[in-house]
Amino acid sequence: MTDALLARLTVGAIFIYHGLVPKLLFRDATELQLLDAHGLPHSLLTLAGIAELALGLIIVLLRGQRWPLYLALAALLGLLVDVAILAPALLAQAFNPLTLNLAAMALCMIALRNRSRS
């Protein structure tokens, strides 16, 4: 297994987990607070979970495609900026969005550096 493939599979697993567990299965309070900060209904958490789960599966299954990794990079950066603006206190917590998103963005870059398409 190449480093690029391992990075791709890990990014996919991160999106699958974060779509499934805190959004669809357990409806995490922090996720709901972020929706509240935007003035959005809690029902959007289900849609967000499905979207994250789908992106994770696309990253894993469409290994010859680079666009899902670029989409993941954009989403990770956008969501990080969003949290920094609307809920900056989350950035000081253990296992926070800053460290998670930076690590996932680095993994995206490792996967994208493989010219032969992981």
Protein backbone atom coordinates (compact mmCIF):
# COMPACT_ATOMS: atom_id res chain seq x y z
CA MET A 1 0.00 0.00 0.00
CA THR A 2 1.41 3.38 -0.95
CA ASP A 3 1.53 6.36 1.37
CA ALA A 4 -0.88 8.17 -0.95
CA LEU A 5 -3.41 5.34 -0.80
CA LEU A 6 -3.11 5.11 2.97
CA ALA A 7 -3.66 8.88 3.24
CA ARG A 8 -6.69 8.68 0.91
CA LEU A 9 -8.26 5.81 2.85
CA THR A 10 -7.67 7.64 6.14
CA VAL A 11 -9.31 10.83 4.88
CA GLY A 12 -12.23 8.77 3.63
CA ALA A 13 -12.53 7.05 7.01
CA ILE A 14 -12.47 10.42 8.80
CA PHE A 15 -15.36 11.72 6.69
CA ILE A 16 -17.31 8.47 7.03
CA TYR A 17 -16.88 8.45 10.81
CA HIS A 18 -17.70 12.13 11.31
CA GLY A 19 -20.74 11.89 9.07
CA LEU A 20 -22.02 8.75 10.72
CA VAL A 21 -21.21 8.91 14.44
CA PRO A 22 -21.59 12.51 15.71
CA LYS A 23 -24.17 13.54 13.13
CA LEU A 24 -26.38 10.58 12.22
CA LEU A 25 -26.10 8.18 15.14
CA PHE A 26 -25.63 10.41 18.19
CA ARG A 27 -26.57 13.96 17.11
CA ASP A 28 -23.70 15.50 19.08
CA ALA A 29 -24.54 18.64 21.08
CA THR A 30 -21.60 20.56 19.64
CA GLU A 31 -22.80 19.84 16.11
CA LEU A 32 -26.24 21.15 17.07
CA GLN A 33 -24.71 24.26 18.68
CA LEU A 34 -22.92 25.06 15.44
CA LEU A 35 -26.22 24.88 13.57
CA ASP A 36 -27.75 27.16 16.21
CA ALA A 37 -24.89 29.64 15.72
CA HIS A 38 -25.91 29.85 12.05
CA GLY A 39 -29.61 30.05 12.87
CA LEU A 40 -30.21 26.79 10.99
CA PRO A 41 -32.66 24.03 11.91
CA HIS A 42 -31.35 20.91 13.65
CA SER A 43 -32.81 18.81 10.84
CA LEU A 44 -29.87 19.91 8.69
CA LEU A 45 -27.59 17.77 10.85
CA THR A 46 -28.94 14.69 9.10
CA LEU A 47 -28.25 16.19 5.68
CA ALA A 48 -24.73 17.19 6.76
CA GLY A 49 -24.10 13.68 8.04
CA ILE A 50 -25.27 12.12 4.79
CA ALA A 51 -23.11 14.53 2.79
CA GLU A 52 -20.00 13.74 4.87
CA LEU A 53 -20.67 10.02 4.69
CA ALA A 54 -21.11 10.23 0.93
CA LEU A 55 -17.92 12.23 0.46
CA GLY A 56 -16.00 9.71 2.55
CA LEU A 57 -17.32 6.83 0.46
CA ILE A 58 -16.55 8.68 -2.78
CA ILE A 59 -12.98 9.34 -1.60
CA VAL A 60 -12.51 5.64 -0.80
CA LEU A 61 -14.28 4.19 -3.83
CA LEU A 62 -13.20 6.58 -6.61
CA ARG A 63 -9.47 6.13 -6.08
CA GLY A 64 -8.61 7.24 -9.60
CA GLN A 65 -10.32 10.60 -9.10
CA ARG A 66 -8.60 13.57 -7.52
CA TRP A 67 -11.62 15.90 -7.29
CA PRO A 68 -13.00 14.29 -4.10
CA LEU A 69 -9.75 15.13 -2.32
CA TYR A 70 -9.89 18.72 -3.54
CA LEU A 71 -13.51 18.90 -2.35
CA ALA A 72 -12.47 17.49 1.03
CA LEU A 73 -9.67 20.06 1.28
CA ALA A 74 -12.07 22.91 0.54
CA ALA A 75 -14.65 21.58 3.01
CA LEU A 76 -12.08 21.10 5.77
CA LEU A 77 -10.70 24.60 5.31
CA GLY A 78 -14.14 26.19 5.05
CA LEU A 79 -15.46 24.41 8.11
CA LEU A 80 -12.35 25.31 10.10
CA VAL A 81 -12.74 29.00 9.26
CA ASP A 82 -16.44 28.74 10.12
CA VAL A 83 -15.70 27.29 13.56
CA ALA A 84 -12.95 29.86 14.17
CA ILE A 85 -15.42 32.66 13.51
CA LEU A 86 -18.60 31.30 15.13
CA ALA A 87 -17.29 29.10 17.95
CA PRO A 88 -13.61 29.89 18.60
CA ALA A 89 -13.76 28.30 22.07
CA LEU A 90 -13.94 24.89 20.34
CA LEU A 91 -10.39 25.42 19.08
CA ALA A 92 -9.06 25.18 22.65
CA GLN A 93 -10.72 21.85 23.46
CA ALA A 94 -9.02 18.45 23.35
CA PHE A 95 -9.33 16.74 19.95
CA ASN A 96 -10.48 20.03 18.47
CA PRO A 97 -11.40 21.04 14.90
CA LEU A 98 -8.08 22.82 14.39
CA THR A 99 -5.89 19.77 14.92
CA LEU A 100 -8.30 17.39 13.21
CA ASN A 101 -8.80 19.55 10.14
CA LEU A 102 -5.11 20.39 9.75
CA ALA A 103 -4.19 16.71 9.96
CA ALA A 104 -6.90 15.73 7.48
CA MET A 105 -5.82 18.52 5.10
CA ALA A 106 -2.22 17.26 5.29
CA LEU A 107 -3.44 13.75 4.46
CA CYS A 108 -5.34 15.15 1.46
CA MET A 109 -2.14 16.79 0.25
CA ILE A 110 -0.17 13.55 0.67
CA ALA A 111 -2.79 11.68 -1.34
CA LEU A 112 -2.80 14.38 -4.04
CA ARG A 113 1.00 14.38 -4.37
CA ASN A 114 0.88 10.93 -5.92
CA ARG A 115 1.05 11.62 -9.65
CA SER A 116 -0.19 8.15 -10.54
CA ARG A 117 -3.46 8.78 -8.72
CA SER A 118 -3.70 6.63 -5.60
